[in-house]
Amino acid sequence: MNRSPLAIGTLVAALLASVAAFAQAPSPKEPQPPSSYYPAPPPQQAPSIQQGASTSGLSSPLPANVPKIERTEITSDAEAQLFTDARRIVWGRHAKIKGAKPGDVTVTKQGAVWMVKGRIDSVAPGTEGDWAAIDGVVERIAPGVVQIRGEVAFRVAKVEKGTPCKVGGLLNFKRSGKSQVWRLAEGDNPCDGAREGFDLVYEKPTEKKPVPAQAKKS
């Protein structure tokens, strides 16, 4: 059957249009590229947030300051009685040098609180100018131990160019058996690591004998 040229041209145009449409359609195996605004375009303005609270007034689980000692805890009256007469300081670093002498320490009571203060100035040859000192509050007295909250300082000319080196906090002075010496357990010098051997020593108080009355002359 013969077709007119017009009909043939229309058929060709329709076929070309179908081929072009098929070429432009995306392949079912190739996903469409994501949009630059996926899943949504950005907002014109960021959302507002609430201002955080100030941290200046917050409390801490750790105390800012060491609580004040209102009363010295005594669990051994015998130890307390003995420690009342601690009168001397012996400093092990220089104690064996000929000419060394002990220092003085005083145990006092302010109401229910016991206080300790003392100092030893070394006079042994070659150690002049060295000293050690203690200053603190007795927190607890128990059998064989006296706990003092305070500090002990050591000044040694050849250590840190003579700058005092200190140990502080809760200091434990321990005594064993029938000894009359309480030795600082934390007695290592923090500057050079030397064992200082800082001792508080009991000294028996001298008994004052009564002066005999003189016989009256007749």
N, C-alpha and C. Protein backbone atom coordinates (compact mmCIF):
# COMPACT_ATOMS: atom_id res chain seq x y z
N MET A 1 0.87 -1.19 0.00
CA MET A 1 0.00 0.00 0.00
C MET A 1 0.89 1.21 0.00
N ASN A 2 0.60 2.10 -0.91
CA ASN A 2 1.39 3.31 -1.04
C ASN A 2 0.91 4.35 -0.03
N ARG A 3 1.88 4.98 0.68
CA ARG A 3 1.55 6.07 1.61
C ARG A 3 2.08 7.37 1.05
N SER A 4 1.41 8.38 1.42
CA SER A 4 1.81 9.69 0.92
C SER A 4 3.07 10.14 1.66
N PRO A 5 3.84 11.01 1.05
CA PRO A 5 5.05 11.53 1.70
C PRO A 5 4.73 12.22 3.00
N LEU A 6 3.58 12.84 3.15
CA LEU A 6 3.22 13.54 4.37
C LEU A 6 3.04 12.56 5.52
N ALA A 7 2.39 11.44 5.22
CA ALA A 7 2.17 10.44 6.26
C ALA A 7 3.49 9.83 6.73
N ILE A 8 4.36 9.60 5.76
CA ILE A 8 5.67 9.03 6.11
C ILE A 8 6.46 9.99 6.98
N GLY A 9 6.43 11.28 6.64
CA GLY A 9 7.16 12.28 7.43
C GLY A 9 6.63 12.36 8.84
N THR A 10 5.31 12.26 9.00
CA THR A 10 4.71 12.32 10.34
C THR A 10 5.14 11.13 11.18
N LEU A 11 5.19 9.94 10.55
CA LEU A 11 5.60 8.73 11.26
C LEU A 11 7.05 8.81 11.70
N VAL A 12 7.90 9.34 10.83
CA VAL A 12 9.33 9.47 11.17
C VAL A 12 9.50 10.44 12.31
N ALA A 13 8.78 11.54 12.29
CA ALA A 13 8.89 12.54 13.36
C ALA A 13 8.46 11.96 14.69
N ALA A 14 7.41 11.12 14.66
CA ALA A 14 6.95 10.51 15.90
C ALA A 14 7.98 9.54 16.46
N LEU A 15 8.61 8.78 15.58
CA LEU A 15 9.64 7.84 16.02
C LEU A 15 10.85 8.58 16.62
N LEU A 16 11.26 9.69 15.99
CA LEU A 16 12.38 10.48 16.51
C LEU A 16 12.07 11.05 17.89
N ALA A 17 10.84 11.51 18.07
CA ALA A 17 10.44 12.07 19.36
C ALA A 17 10.47 11.00 20.45
N SER A 18 10.04 9.78 20.08
CA SER A 18 10.05 8.69 21.07
C SER A 18 11.47 8.32 21.47
N VAL A 19 12.37 8.29 20.46
CA VAL A 19 13.78 7.98 20.76
C VAL A 19 14.39 9.04 21.66
N ALA A 20 14.11 10.32 21.42
CA ALA A 20 14.67 11.41 22.23
C ALA A 20 14.15 11.35 23.66
N ALA A 21 12.87 11.05 23.79
CA ALA A 21 12.29 10.97 25.14
C ALA A 21 12.90 9.82 25.92
N PHE A 22 13.12 8.69 25.27
CA PHE A 22 13.73 7.54 25.92
C PHE A 22 15.16 7.82 26.35
N ALA A 23 15.89 8.58 25.51
CA ALA A 23 17.28 8.91 25.82
C ALA A 23 17.37 9.82 27.04
N GLN A 24 16.37 10.75 27.18
CA GLN A 24 16.41 11.69 28.29
C GLN A 24 15.92 11.06 29.59
N ALA A 25 15.15 10.02 29.56
CA ALA A 25 14.62 9.40 30.78
C ALA A 25 15.76 8.74 31.55
N PRO A 26 15.78 8.87 32.89
CA PRO A 26 16.85 8.28 33.69
C PRO A 26 16.75 6.77 33.70
N SER A 27 17.90 6.14 33.75
CA SER A 27 17.94 4.68 33.80
C SER A 27 17.42 4.22 35.14
N PRO A 28 16.60 3.16 35.18
CA PRO A 28 16.08 2.67 36.46
C PRO A 28 17.17 2.14 37.38
N LYS A 29 18.34 1.81 36.83
CA LYS A 29 19.43 1.31 37.66
C LYS A 29 20.28 2.42 38.24
N GLU A 30 20.19 3.65 37.78
CA GLU A 30 21.01 4.77 38.24
C GLU A 30 20.13 5.72 39.04
N PRO A 31 20.32 5.86 40.40
CA PRO A 31 19.50 6.76 41.20
C PRO A 31 19.77 8.21 40.84
N GLN A 32 18.78 9.02 41.11
CA GLN A 32 18.93 10.45 40.84
C GLN A 32 19.94 11.05 41.81
N PRO A 33 20.76 12.00 41.34
CA PRO A 33 21.73 12.65 42.23
C PRO A 33 21.00 13.41 43.33
N PRO A 34 21.53 13.37 44.59
CA PRO A 34 20.84 14.05 45.69
C PRO A 34 20.82 15.56 45.49
N SER A 35 19.81 16.15 46.00
CA SER A 35 19.68 17.60 45.91
C SER A 35 20.62 18.26 46.90
N SER A 36 21.15 19.41 46.54
CA SER A 36 22.04 20.16 47.44
C SER A 36 21.29 20.65 48.66
N TYR A 37 19.97 20.61 48.63
CA TYR A 37 19.17 21.07 49.75
C TYR A 37 18.49 19.91 50.49
N TYR A 38 19.02 18.70 50.26
CA TYR A 38 18.41 17.54 50.90
C TYR A 38 18.82 17.49 52.38
N PRO A 39 17.93 17.20 53.34
CA PRO A 39 16.50 16.92 53.12
C PRO A 39 15.65 18.19 53.04
N ALA A 40 16.28 19.35 53.39
CA ALA A 40 15.52 20.61 53.33
C ALA A 40 16.51 21.74 53.23
N PRO A 41 16.12 22.83 52.66
CA PRO A 41 17.03 23.98 52.58
C PRO A 41 17.33 24.53 53.97
N PRO A 42 18.51 25.14 54.16
CA PRO A 42 18.89 25.66 55.48
C PRO A 42 17.95 26.80 55.89
N PRO A 43 17.74 26.96 57.23
CA PRO A 43 16.87 28.05 57.68
C PRO A 43 17.53 29.39 57.46
N GLN A 44 16.70 30.41 57.41
CA GLN A 44 17.22 31.75 57.24
C GLN A 44 17.95 32.23 58.48
N GLN A 45 17.58 31.71 59.68
CA GLN A 45 18.20 32.13 60.94
C GLN A 45 18.32 30.93 61.86
N ALA A 46 19.47 30.81 62.51
CA ALA A 46 19.68 29.69 63.42
C ALA A 46 18.73 29.80 64.60
N PRO A 47 18.27 28.66 65.12
CA PRO A 47 17.35 28.71 66.26
C PRO A 47 18.03 29.31 67.49
N SER A 48 17.30 30.07 68.28
CA SER A 48 17.84 30.70 69.49
C SER A 48 17.89 29.68 70.62
N ILE A 49 18.88 29.82 71.52
CA ILE A 49 19.03 28.92 72.66
C ILE A 49 19.01 29.74 73.94
N GLN A 50 18.71 29.07 75.07
CA GLN A 50 18.69 29.75 76.34
C GLN A 50 20.11 29.95 76.85
N GLN A 51 20.35 31.07 77.51
CA GLN A 51 21.68 31.36 78.03
C GLN A 51 21.96 30.50 79.25
N GLY A 52 23.16 29.92 79.31
CA GLY A 52 23.50 29.04 80.42
C GLY A 52 23.61 29.80 81.73
N ALA A 53 23.38 29.09 82.85
CA ALA A 53 23.47 29.70 84.17
C ALA A 53 24.94 29.87 84.57
N SER A 54 25.22 30.87 85.37
CA SER A 54 26.57 31.13 85.84
C SER A 54 27.03 30.01 86.78
N THR A 55 28.29 29.63 86.67
CA THR A 55 28.83 28.56 87.53
C THR A 55 29.51 29.11 88.78
N SER A 56 29.48 30.41 88.98
CA SER A 56 30.20 30.99 90.11
C SER A 56 29.59 30.62 91.45
N GLY A 57 28.29 30.34 91.48
CA GLY A 57 27.65 30.06 92.76
C GLY A 57 27.46 28.59 93.04
N LEU A 58 28.01 27.73 92.19
CA LEU A 58 27.80 26.29 92.38
C LEU A 58 28.65 25.78 93.53
N SER A 59 28.15 24.81 94.27
CA SER A 59 28.90 24.22 95.37
C SER A 59 29.73 23.05 94.85
N SER A 60 30.78 22.72 95.59
CA SER A 60 31.67 21.63 95.20
C SER A 60 31.51 20.49 96.18
N PRO A 61 31.64 19.24 95.72
CA PRO A 61 31.57 18.11 96.65
C PRO A 61 32.76 18.06 97.60
N LEU A 62 33.84 18.77 97.28
CA LEU A 62 35.01 18.83 98.14
C LEU A 62 35.01 20.15 98.91
N PRO A 63 35.32 20.12 100.20
CA PRO A 63 35.29 21.37 100.98
C PRO A 63 36.36 22.32 100.49
N ALA A 64 36.00 23.59 100.43
CA ALA A 64 36.95 24.60 99.97
C ALA A 64 38.06 24.78 101.00
N ASN A 65 37.72 24.70 102.29
CA ASN A 65 38.70 24.86 103.35
C ASN A 65 38.59 23.68 104.32
N VAL A 66 39.70 23.40 104.98
CA VAL A 66 39.70 22.33 105.97
C VAL A 66 38.83 22.77 107.15
N PRO A 67 37.90 21.94 107.59
CA PRO A 67 37.04 22.34 108.70
C PRO A 67 37.84 22.64 109.95
N LYS A 68 37.42 23.62 110.68
CA LYS A 68 38.11 24.03 111.90
C LYS A 68 37.95 22.95 112.96
N ILE A 69 39.04 22.66 113.64
CA ILE A 69 39.02 21.65 114.69
C ILE A 69 38.46 22.28 115.96
N GLU A 70 37.33 21.79 116.41
CA GLU A 70 36.67 22.31 117.60
C GLU A 70 37.09 21.57 118.86
N ARG A 71 37.55 20.34 118.71
CA ARG A 71 37.91 19.54 119.87
C ARG A 71 38.94 18.49 119.45
N THR A 72 39.97 18.32 120.27
CA THR A 72 40.94 17.26 120.03
C THR A 72 40.34 15.93 120.49
N GLU A 73 40.28 14.98 119.56
CA GLU A 73 39.72 13.67 119.89
C GLU A 73 40.76 12.84 120.64
N ILE A 74 40.40 12.37 121.81
CA ILE A 74 41.32 11.59 122.64
C ILE A 74 40.71 10.21 122.89
N THR A 75 41.36 9.19 122.36
CA THR A 75 40.89 7.81 122.58
C THR A 75 41.82 7.04 123.51
N SER A 76 42.87 7.70 123.98
CA SER A 76 43.79 7.08 124.93
C SER A 76 44.24 8.14 125.93
N ASP A 77 43.73 8.07 127.15
CA ASP A 77 44.13 9.03 128.17
C ASP A 77 45.60 8.87 128.54
N ALA A 78 46.10 7.63 128.49
CA ALA A 78 47.50 7.39 128.82
C ALA A 78 48.42 8.07 127.80
N GLU A 79 48.06 7.96 126.51
CA GLU A 79 48.87 8.60 125.47
C GLU A 79 48.81 10.11 125.61
N ALA A 80 47.64 10.62 125.91
CA ALA A 80 47.47 12.07 126.06
C ALA A 80 48.29 12.59 127.23
N GLN A 81 48.29 11.85 128.34
CA GLN A 81 49.05 12.27 129.50
C GLN A 81 50.53 12.28 129.20
N LEU A 82 50.98 11.27 128.44
CA LEU A 82 52.39 11.21 128.07
C LEU A 82 52.76 12.35 127.13
N PHE A 83 51.88 12.61 126.16
CA PHE A 83 52.19 13.64 125.17
C PHE A 83 52.16 15.04 125.77
N THR A 84 51.45 15.21 126.86
CA THR A 84 51.43 16.51 127.54
C THR A 84 52.84 16.96 127.90
N ASP A 85 53.71 16.00 128.18
CA ASP A 85 55.07 16.31 128.59
C ASP A 85 56.08 16.17 127.46
N ALA A 86 55.62 16.27 126.20
CA ALA A 86 56.57 16.34 125.08
C ALA A 86 57.24 17.72 125.13
N ARG A 87 58.54 17.73 125.36
CA ARG A 87 59.23 19.01 125.59
C ARG A 87 60.37 19.28 124.60
N ARG A 88 60.87 18.24 123.95
CA ARG A 88 62.07 18.40 123.13
C ARG A 88 61.83 17.97 121.69
N ILE A 89 62.64 18.55 120.80
CA ILE A 89 62.68 18.15 119.39
C ILE A 89 64.07 17.64 119.09
N VAL A 90 64.13 16.45 118.48
CA VAL A 90 65.41 15.91 118.02
C VAL A 90 65.32 15.78 116.51
N TRP A 91 66.32 16.33 115.83
CA TRP A 91 66.35 16.34 114.36
C TRP A 91 67.40 15.35 113.89
N GLY A 92 66.97 14.25 113.32
CA GLY A 92 67.88 13.17 112.95
C GLY A 92 68.94 13.55 111.94
N ARG A 93 68.68 14.50 111.07
CA ARG A 93 69.66 14.87 110.02
C ARG A 93 70.99 15.30 110.65
N HIS A 94 70.92 16.02 111.78
CA HIS A 94 72.14 16.54 112.39
C HIS A 94 72.38 15.97 113.79
N ALA A 95 71.53 15.06 114.25
CA ALA A 95 71.60 14.62 115.64
C ALA A 95 72.91 13.91 115.98
N LYS A 96 73.54 13.23 115.01
CA LYS A 96 74.74 12.46 115.30
C LYS A 96 76.02 13.27 115.19
N ILE A 97 75.90 14.52 114.81
CA ILE A 97 77.08 15.38 114.71
C ILE A 97 77.45 15.86 116.12
N LYS A 98 78.71 15.81 116.43
CA LYS A 98 79.16 16.24 117.75
C LYS A 98 78.81 17.71 117.99
N GLY A 99 78.19 17.96 119.10
CA GLY A 99 77.79 19.33 119.43
C GLY A 99 76.33 19.61 119.17
N ALA A 100 75.60 18.64 118.60
CA ALA A 100 74.18 18.84 118.32
C ALA A 100 73.39 18.91 119.62
N LYS A 101 72.36 19.74 119.62
CA LYS A 101 71.51 19.89 120.80
C LYS A 101 70.04 19.84 120.37
N PRO A 102 69.17 19.36 121.26
CA PRO A 102 67.75 19.31 120.92
C PRO A 102 67.11 20.69 120.92
N GLY A 103 65.95 20.77 120.30
CA GLY A 103 65.18 22.00 120.32
C GLY A 103 64.02 21.89 121.29
N ASP A 104 63.19 22.89 121.31
CA ASP A 104 62.08 22.93 122.26
C ASP A 104 60.75 22.86 121.55
N VAL A 105 59.78 22.16 122.17
CA VAL A 105 58.42 22.12 121.68
C VAL A 105 57.48 22.32 122.86
N THR A 106 56.36 22.97 122.59
CA THR A 106 55.39 23.25 123.65
C THR A 106 54.03 22.70 123.25
N VAL A 107 53.43 21.96 124.16
CA VAL A 107 52.07 21.45 123.97
C VAL A 107 51.15 22.25 124.89
N THR A 108 50.22 22.96 124.32
CA THR A 108 49.31 23.78 125.10
C THR A 108 47.87 23.40 124.81
N LYS A 109 46.97 23.84 125.67
CA LYS A 109 45.55 23.56 125.50
C LYS A 109 44.78 24.88 125.48
N GLN A 110 43.94 25.01 124.47
CA GLN A 110 43.03 26.14 124.38
C GLN A 110 41.62 25.59 124.42
N GLY A 111 41.09 25.51 125.61
CA GLY A 111 39.79 24.87 125.76
C GLY A 111 39.91 23.38 125.52
N ALA A 112 39.17 22.89 124.54
CA ALA A 112 39.20 21.45 124.22
C ALA A 112 40.15 21.13 123.09
N VAL A 113 40.92 22.12 122.63
CA VAL A 113 41.83 21.93 121.50
C VAL A 113 43.28 21.99 121.98
N TRP A 114 44.07 21.01 121.55
CA TRP A 114 45.49 20.97 121.89
C TRP A 114 46.29 21.59 120.74
N MET A 115 47.30 22.37 121.09
CA MET A 115 48.16 23.02 120.09
C MET A 115 49.61 22.59 120.30
N VAL A 116 50.36 22.53 119.20
CA VAL A 116 51.78 22.15 119.26
C VAL A 116 52.59 23.17 118.47
N LYS A 117 53.64 23.66 119.09
CA LYS A 117 54.51 24.62 118.39
C LYS A 117 55.93 24.44 118.92
N GLY A 118 56.90 24.39 118.00
CA GLY A 118 58.28 24.21 118.44
C GLY A 118 59.28 24.46 117.32
N ARG A 119 60.55 24.51 117.70
CA ARG A 119 61.61 24.80 116.73
C ARG A 119 62.94 24.29 117.26
N ILE A 120 63.78 23.84 116.35
CA ILE A 120 65.14 23.45 116.69
C ILE A 120 66.10 24.18 115.75
N ASP A 121 67.05 24.90 116.32
CA ASP A 121 68.09 25.57 115.55
C ASP A 121 69.37 24.79 115.71
N SER A 122 69.90 24.30 114.60
CA SER A 122 71.07 23.45 114.67
C SER A 122 72.31 24.26 115.04
N VAL A 123 73.06 23.73 116.00
CA VAL A 123 74.29 24.40 116.44
C VAL A 123 75.51 23.52 116.20
N ALA A 124 75.29 22.34 115.61
CA ALA A 124 76.42 21.46 115.33
C ALA A 124 77.34 22.12 114.31
N PRO A 125 78.67 21.91 114.44
CA PRO A 125 79.61 22.54 113.52
C PRO A 125 79.29 22.24 112.05
N GLY A 126 79.24 23.27 111.24
CA GLY A 126 78.97 23.14 109.82
C GLY A 126 77.49 23.16 109.47
N THR A 127 76.63 23.21 110.47
CA THR A 127 75.19 23.21 110.20
C THR A 127 74.52 24.46 110.75
N GLU A 128 75.31 25.41 111.20
CA GLU A 128 74.73 26.62 111.76
C GLU A 128 73.82 27.30 110.72
N GLY A 129 72.67 27.72 111.15
CA GLY A 129 71.71 28.35 110.23
C GLY A 129 70.62 27.39 109.78
N ASP A 130 70.85 26.08 109.94
CA ASP A 130 69.81 25.10 109.60
C ASP A 130 68.80 25.03 110.75
N TRP A 131 67.56 24.85 110.41
CA TRP A 131 66.54 24.74 111.46
C TRP A 131 65.36 23.90 110.97
N ALA A 132 64.57 23.47 111.94
CA ALA A 132 63.32 22.75 111.65
C ALA A 132 62.28 23.25 112.64
N ALA A 133 61.02 23.29 112.21
CA ALA A 133 59.98 23.84 113.06
C ALA A 133 58.66 23.12 112.82
N ILE A 134 57.81 23.13 113.83
CA ILE A 134 56.48 22.54 113.74
C ILE A 134 55.45 23.52 114.28
N ASP A 135 54.29 23.54 113.63
CA ASP A 135 53.20 24.41 114.07
C ASP A 135 51.90 23.74 113.64
N GLY A 136 51.04 23.40 114.62
CA GLY A 136 49.80 22.73 114.23
C GLY A 136 48.84 22.52 115.39
N VAL A 137 47.72 21.93 115.05
CA VAL A 137 46.65 21.62 116.00
C VAL A 137 46.54 20.11 116.11
N VAL A 138 46.46 19.62 117.33
CA VAL A 138 46.32 18.17 117.54
C VAL A 138 44.88 17.78 117.20
N GLU A 139 44.73 16.93 116.21
CA GLU A 139 43.40 16.49 115.79
C GLU A 139 42.96 15.24 116.53
N ARG A 140 43.92 14.34 116.83
CA ARG A 140 43.54 13.08 117.47
C ARG A 140 44.72 12.50 118.22
N ILE A 141 44.43 11.95 119.41
CA ILE A 141 45.43 11.24 120.20
C ILE A 141 44.89 9.83 120.46
N ALA A 142 45.61 8.83 119.97
CA ALA A 142 45.21 7.44 120.10
C ALA A 142 46.41 6.64 120.60
N PRO A 143 46.23 5.39 120.98
CA PRO A 143 47.37 4.60 121.46
C PRO A 143 48.51 4.55 120.43
N GLY A 144 49.64 5.10 120.81
CA GLY A 144 50.82 5.04 119.95
C GLY A 144 50.86 6.03 118.81
N VAL A 145 49.89 6.94 118.71
CA VAL A 145 49.90 7.89 117.60
C VAL A 145 49.26 9.21 118.01
N VAL A 146 49.87 10.29 117.53
CA VAL A 146 49.33 11.64 117.71
C VAL A 146 49.22 12.25 116.32
N GLN A 147 48.01 12.65 115.94
CA GLN A 147 47.79 13.24 114.62
C GLN A 147 47.68 14.75 114.76
N ILE A 148 48.52 15.44 114.02
CA ILE A 148 48.58 16.90 114.09
C ILE A 148 48.29 17.47 112.71
N ARG A 149 47.34 18.39 112.65
CA ARG A 149 47.06 19.06 111.39
C ARG A 149 47.82 20.38 111.37
N GLY A 150 48.79 20.46 110.49
CA GLY A 150 49.63 21.66 110.44
C GLY A 150 50.77 21.44 109.46
N GLU A 151 51.96 21.96 109.80
CA GLU A 151 53.10 21.79 108.91
C GLU A 151 54.39 21.69 109.69
N VAL A 152 55.34 20.99 109.09
CA VAL A 152 56.71 20.91 109.60
C VAL A 152 57.62 21.40 108.49
N ALA A 153 58.50 22.34 108.82
CA ALA A 153 59.40 22.94 107.83
C ALA A 153 60.85 22.58 108.16
N PHE A 154 61.65 22.34 107.11
CA PHE A 154 63.07 22.04 107.26
C PHE A 154 63.87 23.05 106.44
N ARG A 155 64.79 23.70 107.09
CA ARG A 155 65.68 24.63 106.38
C ARG A 155 67.09 24.08 106.45
N VAL A 156 67.63 23.68 105.31
CA VAL A 156 68.98 23.15 105.21
C VAL A 156 69.72 23.97 104.16
N ALA A 157 70.85 24.50 104.52
CA ALA A 157 71.57 25.43 103.63
C ALA A 157 71.89 24.82 102.28
N LYS A 158 72.25 23.53 102.24
CA LYS A 158 72.66 22.90 100.98
C LYS A 158 71.50 22.34 100.17
N VAL A 159 70.28 22.48 100.67
CA VAL A 159 69.10 21.98 99.95
C VAL A 159 68.28 23.16 99.46
N GLU A 160 68.05 23.22 98.15
CA GLU A 160 67.26 24.30 97.54
C GLU A 160 67.78 25.68 97.93
N LYS A 161 69.09 25.79 98.04
CA LYS A 161 69.75 27.05 98.37
C LYS A 161 69.22 27.67 99.66
N GLY A 162 68.86 26.80 100.60
CA GLY A 162 68.42 27.28 101.90
C GLY A 162 66.95 27.64 102.00
N THR A 163 66.18 27.36 100.94
CA THR A 163 64.75 27.63 101.00
C THR A 163 64.07 26.56 101.86
N PRO A 164 63.25 26.95 102.85
CA PRO A 164 62.59 25.95 103.69
C PRO A 164 61.70 25.01 102.87
N CYS A 165 61.82 23.73 103.15
CA CYS A 165 60.99 22.71 102.49
C CYS A 165 59.98 22.21 103.52
N LYS A 166 58.72 22.15 103.13
CA LYS A 166 57.66 21.88 104.09
C LYS A 166 56.85 20.63 103.74
N VAL A 167 56.39 19.96 104.80
CA VAL A 167 55.37 18.92 104.68
C VAL A 167 54.18 19.39 105.52
N GLY A 168 52.99 19.26 104.97
CA GLY A 168 51.83 19.78 105.68
C GLY A 168 50.62 18.90 105.50
N GLY A 169 49.57 19.26 106.22
CA GLY A 169 48.34 18.48 106.19
C GLY A 169 48.19 17.72 107.49
N LEU A 170 47.65 16.51 107.41
CA LEU A 170 47.50 15.67 108.59
C LEU A 170 48.79 14.89 108.80
N LEU A 171 49.52 15.23 109.84
CA LEU A 171 50.83 14.63 110.12
C LEU A 171 50.68 13.60 111.24
N ASN A 172 51.29 12.44 111.06
CA ASN A 172 51.18 11.34 112.01
C ASN A 172 52.49 11.17 112.76
N PHE A 173 52.45 11.36 114.07
CA PHE A 173 53.60 11.12 114.93
C PHE A 173 53.36 9.80 115.66
N LYS A 174 54.24 8.83 115.42
CA LYS A 174 54.01 7.48 115.94
C LYS A 174 55.04 7.10 117.00
N ARG A 175 54.57 6.35 117.99
CA ARG A 175 55.40 5.87 119.08
C ARG A 175 55.14 4.37 119.24
N SER A 176 56.15 3.62 119.58
CA SER A 176 55.97 2.17 119.74
C SER A 176 56.45 1.72 121.11
N GLY A 177 55.72 0.75 121.66
CA GLY A 177 56.13 0.14 122.93
C GLY A 177 56.26 1.15 124.06
N LYS A 178 57.38 1.05 124.77
CA LYS A 178 57.63 1.94 125.90
C LYS A 178 58.47 3.15 125.50
N SER A 179 58.61 3.35 124.21
CA SER A 179 59.39 4.50 123.74
C SER A 179 58.74 5.80 124.19
N GLN A 180 59.56 6.79 124.39
CA GLN A 180 59.08 8.11 124.78
C GLN A 180 59.35 9.12 123.66
N VAL A 181 59.35 8.60 122.43
CA VAL A 181 59.62 9.43 121.25
C VAL A 181 58.49 9.24 120.23
N TRP A 182 57.95 10.34 119.74
CA TRP A 182 56.98 10.31 118.65
C TRP A 182 57.69 10.77 117.38
N ARG A 183 57.78 9.90 116.40
CA ARG A 183 58.49 10.23 115.15
C ARG A 183 57.50 10.56 114.05
N LEU A 184 57.81 11.59 113.30
CA LEU A 184 56.97 12.01 112.18
C LEU A 184 57.02 10.97 111.07
N ALA A 185 55.88 10.35 110.77
CA ALA A 185 55.83 9.33 109.72
C ALA A 185 56.06 9.94 108.34
N GLU A 186 55.60 11.17 108.13
CA GLU A 186 55.78 11.84 106.83
C GLU A 186 57.05 12.68 106.85
N GLY A 187 58.12 12.13 107.39
CA GLY A 187 59.33 12.91 107.62
C GLY A 187 60.32 12.94 106.47
N ASP A 188 59.94 12.50 105.26
CA ASP A 188 60.84 12.61 104.12
C ASP A 188 60.85 14.05 103.62
N ASN A 189 62.04 14.61 103.45
CA ASN A 189 62.14 15.98 102.95
C ASN A 189 61.64 16.02 101.50
N PRO A 190 60.64 16.84 101.19
CA PRO A 190 60.10 16.86 99.83
C PRO A 190 61.05 17.43 98.79
N CYS A 191 62.13 18.06 99.24
CA CYS A 191 63.06 18.69 98.29
C CYS A 191 64.18 17.75 97.84
N ASP A 192 64.73 16.97 98.76
CA ASP A 192 65.82 16.07 98.36
C ASP A 192 65.54 14.61 98.71
N GLY A 193 64.37 14.32 99.32
CA GLY A 193 64.00 12.95 99.62
C GLY A 193 64.67 12.35 100.83
N ALA A 194 65.49 13.14 101.55
CA ALA A 194 66.20 12.61 102.71
C ALA A 194 65.23 12.36 103.86
N ARG A 195 65.51 11.29 104.62
CA ARG A 195 64.72 10.98 105.81
C ARG A 195 65.20 11.88 106.94
N GLU A 196 64.35 12.80 107.38
CA GLU A 196 64.77 13.80 108.35
C GLU A 196 64.83 13.25 109.78
N GLY A 197 63.95 12.32 110.12
CA GLY A 197 63.94 11.83 111.49
C GLY A 197 63.55 12.91 112.47
N PHE A 198 62.35 13.49 112.26
CA PHE A 198 61.88 14.58 113.11
C PHE A 198 61.10 13.99 114.28
N ASP A 199 61.62 14.18 115.51
CA ASP A 199 61.04 13.53 116.69
C ASP A 199 60.59 14.55 117.73
N LEU A 200 59.45 14.23 118.34
CA LEU A 200 59.01 14.94 119.53
C LEU A 200 59.27 14.02 120.71
N VAL A 201 59.96 14.52 121.73
CA VAL A 201 60.48 13.66 122.80
C VAL A 201 59.86 14.04 124.15
N TYR A 202 59.42 13.02 124.86
CA TYR A 202 58.89 13.19 126.21
C TYR A 202 60.05 13.52 127.16
N GLU A 203 59.82 14.44 128.03
CA GLU A 203 60.82 14.77 129.04
C GLU A 203 60.11 14.83 130.39
N LYS A 204 60.52 13.97 131.28
CA LYS A 204 59.88 13.90 132.58
C LYS A 204 60.03 15.22 133.31
N PRO A 205 58.91 15.77 133.75
CA PRO A 205 59.01 17.05 134.46
C PRO A 205 59.79 16.89 135.77
N THR A 206 60.59 17.87 136.04
CA THR A 206 61.39 17.82 137.27
C THR A 206 60.49 18.03 138.48
N GLU A 207 60.71 17.22 139.47
CA GLU A 207 59.94 17.33 140.70
C GLU A 207 60.64 18.30 141.65
N LYS A 208 59.88 19.27 142.08
CA LYS A 208 60.43 20.24 143.02
C LYS A 208 60.26 19.72 144.44
N LYS A 209 61.35 19.46 145.05
CA LYS A 209 61.31 18.97 146.42
C LYS A 209 61.04 20.12 147.38
N PRO A 210 60.18 19.90 148.33
CA PRO A 210 59.89 20.97 149.29
C PRO A 210 61.11 21.32 150.12
N VAL A 211 61.28 22.59 150.35
CA VAL A 211 62.41 23.05 151.17
C VAL A 211 62.08 22.78 152.64
N PRO A 212 62.94 22.06 153.33
CA PRO A 212 62.65 21.77 154.75
C PRO A 212 62.59 23.04 155.58
N ALA A 213 61.62 23.06 156.43
CA ALA A 213 61.46 24.24 157.31
C ALA A 213 62.60 24.33 158.29
N GLN A 214 63.11 25.50 158.45
CA GLN A 214 64.21 25.71 159.41
C GLN A 214 63.67 25.77 160.83
N ALA A 215 64.41 25.21 161.71
CA ALA A 215 64.01 25.21 163.14
C ALA A 215 64.06 26.62 163.68
N LYS A 216 63.05 26.94 164.43
CA LYS A 216 63.01 28.28 165.02
C LYS A 216 64.00 28.36 166.18
N LYS A 217 64.69 29.47 166.24
CA LYS A 217 65.67 29.69 167.35
C LYS A 217 64.91 30.14 168.58
N SER A 218 65.31 29.58 169.66
CA SER A 218 64.68 29.95 170.92
C SER A 218 65.19 31.29 171.39
